């Protein structure tokens, strides 16, 4: 199966990495714009598509840099993003479980209170209003946990899987030709 290749043109490999990140080069995060660009590119492809990244450089890799280090740095970046996304998912599901427990503990007593309050009111219409209002309030307490367990976790899980795919993509650095560098730089005045 042929890989879907994203070619990016850089004057220098350091453009790909976050210059504000104080970590050593091997552990640096990608530049946020570069990372977002790569993620959006991968998101547009089918989920089973094989991914590859080719960084075409206007200048050779400097001392202290190697193609293997660049490749591992990019992979590590997306592995860290996958791990962080999974932590966010785990935290969301924990909130969902805690919210569901609270809602389940509240729903029974609220229904009992609603029925008792309705029996104290003489007018049937007001009794129904009080009872229905409290019962609806009890069901609203279930809204957020159900939203988490039915809908909210899907996109987070999909994002973690996308980062997993990006963390194993083939990454290569190659020298850009003069014509490629000129076409990226635009016309010279």
Foldseek 3Di string as FASTA:
>chain_A
DDADEDEDEEQALCQQFDPPDPDPPLQTAGHVVNVVVVLVVLVPDDLPGAYEYEYAYQDDHDPPDDFVSSLNSQLVNLLVVLVVLVVVLVVLLVVLVVLQVVLVVPQVVLLVVLQVVLVVDDDNVVSCVSNVVSNVVSVVSNVSSCCSVPPVNVVSNVSSSSSNSSSPHHYGYHHDDPVVVDVVVDDDD
